[in-house]
Every structure is written in structure tokens, then in C-alpha cells.
Amino acid sequence: IGVDTPESVASDEYLKKSGKENTGFGKDVSTIMKEMLPEGTTLFVVTDVQEMDKYGRMLGYVYFEDGQMIQDFLLSNGYAQVMTVQPNVAFVEHFVLLERDAIARGVGIWQDYNKAFQQQQEEIDTR
């Protein structure tokens, strides 16, 4: 909970409803996470207000064995963006700070965003 990663294997039905699309970057993030979390990896899960969503999926903050939160890893590397669903917002302020830092550094999904923003600023400055 708390993050949204680029789509990689979403169904056509979901994509049509959401207006999203499966992306190469989403597949890259999926590959990175599969490499970091091979079958049998021990993880720790801490829930927030709700343990399950309306689709029956477990909601939780997931930690590597070394104590690093997976959501932190995803946000810090620009592999995800903040997405909160009330009432599960225990880490929202923390997540927003990580996302802002990733945007400022122009990493991951923010690489093109950062370039476009800088280009827009340069155009404004030359007026």
C-alpha cells in the first residue's frame, strides 16, 4: 500500500477501464523486483487500518529482511509513485518526501518528467 508502480501485466479489461497501459518500464521494474525477491525470500508485512482491500488483496507495508521497506526502495529509485487510499495513510508524508526527492533527481519514471519540466522552465526564462 501507499505506492503505484507502472503497469506491466494488467489485463486488457483493467487497462481499458483505467486508461493506463502496460509499459516496458513496468516490465523492467517487475524484473528488478523478481530478482530482489526470489522465491523463498523472507519478508515482513505490517498492516495499516485495513488488512484487506475490497478485492480481497492483503494490504501492507512490506519489509526486506534487513528492515528496509520495499515501498521506500520503489519510491527512492523512481520505480513507483505515491498512491494512498484512505484510511491507509500511516506513511503518506514519508512517501511524499521520497517521491519528491526522486523527482528532483530525475530517476526512474521521473526521468522524462524532470527533463520536460526543465525544458518548460528554460522556455519561460527566455521569454
C-alpha atoms as a PDB file:
ATOM      1  CA  ILE A   1       0.000   0.000   0.000  1.00  0.00           C
ATOM      2  CA  GLY A   2       0.986   3.590  -0.494  1.00  0.00           C
ATOM      3  CA  VAL A   3       2.599   3.208  -3.917  1.00  0.00           C
ATOM      4  CA  ASP A   4       1.619   2.611  -7.524  1.00  0.00           C
ATOM      5  CA  THR A   5       4.093   1.051  -9.936  1.00  0.00           C
ATOM      6  CA  PRO A   6       3.893   1.249 -13.726  1.00  0.00           C
ATOM      7  CA  GLU A   7       1.706  -1.455 -15.237  1.00  0.00           C
ATOM      8  CA  SER A   8       3.405  -4.483 -16.725  1.00  0.00           C
ATOM      9  CA  VAL A   9       0.904  -7.341 -16.887  1.00  0.00           C
ATOM     10  CA  ALA A  10      -2.502  -5.724 -16.389  1.00  0.00           C
ATOM     11  CA  SER A  11      -5.444  -7.260 -18.201  1.00  0.00           C
ATOM     12  CA  ASP A  12      -6.957  -5.594 -21.248  1.00  0.00           C
ATOM     13  CA  GLU A  13     -10.171  -5.068 -19.257  1.00  0.00           C
ATOM     14  CA  TYR A  14      -8.339  -3.196 -16.491  1.00  0.00           C
ATOM     15  CA  LEU A  15      -6.318  -1.149 -18.952  1.00  0.00           C
ATOM     16  CA  LYS A  16      -9.453  -0.078 -20.783  1.00  0.00           C
ATOM     17  CA  LYS A  17     -11.189   0.955 -17.531  1.00  0.00           C
ATOM     18  CA  SER A  18      -8.176   2.752 -16.065  1.00  0.00           C
ATOM     19  CA  GLY A  19      -6.837   4.411 -19.195  1.00  0.00           C
ATOM     20  CA  LYS A  20      -3.411   3.026 -18.295  1.00  0.00           C
ATOM     21  CA  GLU A  21      -1.157   0.831 -20.398  1.00  0.00           C
ATOM     22  CA  ASN A  22       1.393  -1.882 -19.829  1.00  0.00           C
ATOM     23  CA  THR A  23       4.840  -0.351 -20.284  1.00  0.00           C
ATOM     24  CA  GLY A  24       8.363  -1.509 -20.891  1.00  0.00           C
ATOM     25  CA  PHE A  25       9.433   0.366 -17.772  1.00  0.00           C
ATOM     26  CA  GLY A  26       6.766  -1.508 -15.792  1.00  0.00           C
ATOM     27  CA  LYS A  27       8.246  -4.767 -17.033  1.00  0.00           C
ATOM     28  CA  ASP A  28      11.726  -3.548 -16.048  1.00  0.00           C
ATOM     29  CA  VAL A  29      10.534  -2.762 -12.510  1.00  0.00           C
ATOM     30  CA  SER A  30       8.862  -6.163 -12.315  1.00  0.00           C
ATOM     31  CA  THR A  31      12.105  -7.857 -13.376  1.00  0.00           C
ATOM     32  CA  ILE A  32      14.125  -5.888 -10.805  1.00  0.00           C
ATOM     33  CA  MET A  33      11.733  -6.868  -8.028  1.00  0.00           C
ATOM     34  CA  LYS A  34      11.690 -10.533  -9.082  1.00  0.00           C
ATOM     35  CA  GLU A  35      15.496 -10.544  -8.932  1.00  0.00           C
ATOM     36  CA  MET A  36      15.461  -8.917  -5.490  1.00  0.00           C
ATOM     37  CA  LEU A  37      12.743 -11.225  -4.207  1.00  0.00           C
ATOM     38  CA  PRO A  38      13.416 -14.744  -5.465  1.00  0.00           C
ATOM     39  CA  GLU A  39      11.022 -17.457  -4.392  1.00  0.00           C
ATOM     40  CA  GLY A  40      11.564 -18.263  -0.735  1.00  0.00           C
ATOM     41  CA  THR A  41      12.633 -14.733   0.252  1.00  0.00           C
ATOM     42  CA  THR A  42      11.590 -13.847   3.787  1.00  0.00           C
ATOM     43  CA  LEU A  43       9.560 -10.644   4.004  1.00  0.00           C
ATOM     44  CA  PHE A  44       7.798  -8.935   6.869  1.00  0.00           C
ATOM     45  CA  VAL A  45       4.390  -7.323   6.472  1.00  0.00           C
ATOM     46  CA  VAL A  46       2.810  -4.681   8.684  1.00  0.00           C
ATOM     47  CA  THR A  47      -0.775  -3.684   8.029  1.00  0.00           C
ATOM     48  CA  ASP A  48      -2.355  -0.263   8.399  1.00  0.00           C
ATOM     49  CA  VAL A  49      -6.006   0.377   9.267  1.00  0.00           C
ATOM     50  CA  GLN A  50      -7.338  -2.189   6.785  1.00  0.00           C
ATOM     51  CA  GLU A  51      -5.850  -5.643   6.328  1.00  0.00           C
ATOM     52  CA  MET A  52      -7.639  -6.355   3.020  1.00  0.00           C
ATOM     53  CA  ASP A  53      -8.994  -4.277   0.175  1.00  0.00           C
ATOM     54  CA  LYS A  54     -12.398  -4.686  -1.456  1.00  0.00           C
ATOM     55  CA  TYR A  55     -10.884  -7.205  -3.899  1.00  0.00           C
ATOM     56  CA  GLY A  56      -9.630  -9.465  -1.111  1.00  0.00           C
ATOM     57  CA  ARG A  57      -5.971  -8.486  -1.520  1.00  0.00           C
ATOM     58  CA  MET A  58      -3.799  -8.139   1.576  1.00  0.00           C
ATOM     59  CA  LEU A  59      -2.716  -4.556   2.231  1.00  0.00           C
ATOM     60  CA  GLY A  60       0.564  -3.962   3.941  1.00  0.00           C
ATOM     61  CA  TYR A  61       3.886  -2.239   4.244  1.00  0.00           C
ATOM     62  CA  VAL A  62       6.410  -4.843   3.182  1.00  0.00           C
ATOM     63  CA  TYR A  63       9.934  -5.057   4.576  1.00  0.00           C
ATOM     64  CA  PHE A  64      13.058  -6.833   3.390  1.00  0.00           C
ATOM     65  CA  GLU A  65      14.841  -8.948   5.993  1.00  0.00           C
ATOM     66  CA  ASP A  66      17.312  -6.091   6.572  1.00  0.00           C
ATOM     67  CA  GLY A  67      14.433  -3.826   7.666  1.00  0.00           C
ATOM     68  CA  GLN A  68      14.203  -1.647   4.548  1.00  0.00           C
ATOM     69  CA  MET A  69      10.629  -1.049   3.436  1.00  0.00           C
ATOM     70  CA  ILE A  70      10.012  -2.129  -0.148  1.00  0.00           C
ATOM     71  CA  GLN A  71       7.830   0.942  -0.701  1.00  0.00           C
ATOM     72  CA  ASP A  72      10.835   3.126   0.259  1.00  0.00           C
ATOM     73  CA  PHE A  73      13.023   1.283  -2.238  1.00  0.00           C
ATOM     74  CA  LEU A  74      10.476   1.701  -5.037  1.00  0.00           C
ATOM     75  CA  LEU A  75       9.865   5.397  -4.394  1.00  0.00           C
ATOM     76  CA  SER A  76      13.528   6.314  -3.861  1.00  0.00           C
ATOM     77  CA  ASN A  77      14.509   4.775  -7.181  1.00  0.00           C
ATOM     78  CA  GLY A  78      11.611   6.267  -9.113  1.00  0.00           C
ATOM     79  CA  TYR A  79      10.094   2.836  -9.673  1.00  0.00           C
ATOM     80  CA  ALA A  80       6.739   3.936  -8.223  1.00  0.00           C
ATOM     81  CA  GLN A  81       4.706   6.979  -7.322  1.00  0.00           C
ATOM     82  CA  VAL A  82       2.737   7.706  -4.187  1.00  0.00           C
ATOM     83  CA  MET A  83      -0.807   6.412  -4.205  1.00  0.00           C
ATOM     84  CA  THR A  84      -2.772   6.336  -0.981  1.00  0.00           C
ATOM     85  CA  VAL A  85      -6.239   5.062  -0.319  1.00  0.00           C
ATOM     86  CA  GLN A  86      -7.917   6.233   2.846  1.00  0.00           C
ATOM     87  CA  PRO A  87      -7.766   5.190   5.622  1.00  0.00           C
ATOM     88  CA  ASN A  88      -4.378   3.503   4.996  1.00  0.00           C
ATOM     89  CA  VAL A  89      -2.130   6.558   5.199  1.00  0.00           C
ATOM     90  CA  ALA A  90       0.334   5.880   8.029  1.00  0.00           C
ATOM     91  CA  PHE A  91       3.390   6.671   5.878  1.00  0.00           C
ATOM     92  CA  VAL A  92       1.973   9.148   3.352  1.00  0.00           C
ATOM     93  CA  GLU A  93       4.111  12.113   4.432  1.00  0.00           C
ATOM     94  CA  HIS A  94       7.252   9.978   4.413  1.00  0.00           C
ATOM     95  CA  PHE A  95       6.375   8.578   0.980  1.00  0.00           C
ATOM     96  CA  VAL A  96       5.746  12.050  -0.466  1.00  0.00           C
ATOM     97  CA  LEU A  97       9.223  13.161   0.662  1.00  0.00           C
ATOM     98  CA  LEU A  98      10.826  10.152  -1.029  1.00  0.00           C
ATOM     99  CA  GLU A  99       8.854  10.793  -4.212  1.00  0.00           C
ATOM    100  CA  ARG A 100       9.813  14.483  -4.275  1.00  0.00           C
ATOM    101  CA  ASP A 101      13.475  13.526  -3.915  1.00  0.00           C
ATOM    102  CA  ALA A 102      13.212  11.048  -6.803  1.00  0.00           C
ATOM    103  CA  ILE A 103      11.534  13.725  -8.936  1.00  0.00           C
ATOM    104  CA  ALA A 104      14.288  16.225  -8.099  1.00  0.00           C
ATOM    105  CA  ARG A 105      16.952  13.693  -9.051  1.00  0.00           C
ATOM    106  CA  GLY A 106      15.067  12.721 -12.226  1.00  0.00           C
ATOM    107  CA  VAL A 107      15.292   8.976 -11.639  1.00  0.00           C
ATOM    108  CA  GLY A 108      13.087   6.184 -12.901  1.00  0.00           C
ATOM    109  CA  ILE A 109       9.642   7.268 -14.032  1.00  0.00           C
ATOM    110  CA  TRP A 110      10.582  10.868 -13.273  1.00  0.00           C
ATOM    111  CA  GLN A 111      13.432  10.991 -15.786  1.00  0.00           C
ATOM    112  CA  ASP A 112      11.293  12.269 -18.657  1.00  0.00           C
ATOM    113  CA  TYR A 113       9.142  14.358 -16.314  1.00  0.00           C
ATOM    114  CA  ASN A 114      12.209  16.154 -14.980  1.00  0.00           C
ATOM    115  CA  LYS A 115      13.548  16.798 -18.498  1.00  0.00           C
ATOM    116  CA  ALA A 116      10.189  18.163 -19.656  1.00  0.00           C
ATOM    117  CA  PHE A 117       9.922  20.401 -16.591  1.00  0.00           C
ATOM    118  CA  GLN A 118      13.434  21.783 -17.096  1.00  0.00           C
ATOM    119  CA  GLN A 119      12.713  22.430 -20.769  1.00  0.00           C
ATOM    120  CA  GLN A 120       9.498  24.248 -19.853  1.00  0.00           C
ATOM    121  CA  GLN A 121      11.380  26.363 -17.279  1.00  0.00           C
ATOM    122  CA  GLU A 122      14.041  27.265 -19.877  1.00  0.00           C
ATOM    123  CA  GLU A 123      11.313  28.379 -22.295  1.00  0.00           C
ATOM    124  CA  ILE A 124       9.740  30.554 -19.608  1.00  0.00           C
ATOM    125  CA  ASP A 125      13.131  32.058 -18.696  1.00  0.00           C
ATOM    126  CA  THR A 126      13.849  33.063 -22.313  1.00  0.00           C
ATOM    127  CA  ARG A 127      10.605  34.988 -22.696  1.00  0.00           C
END
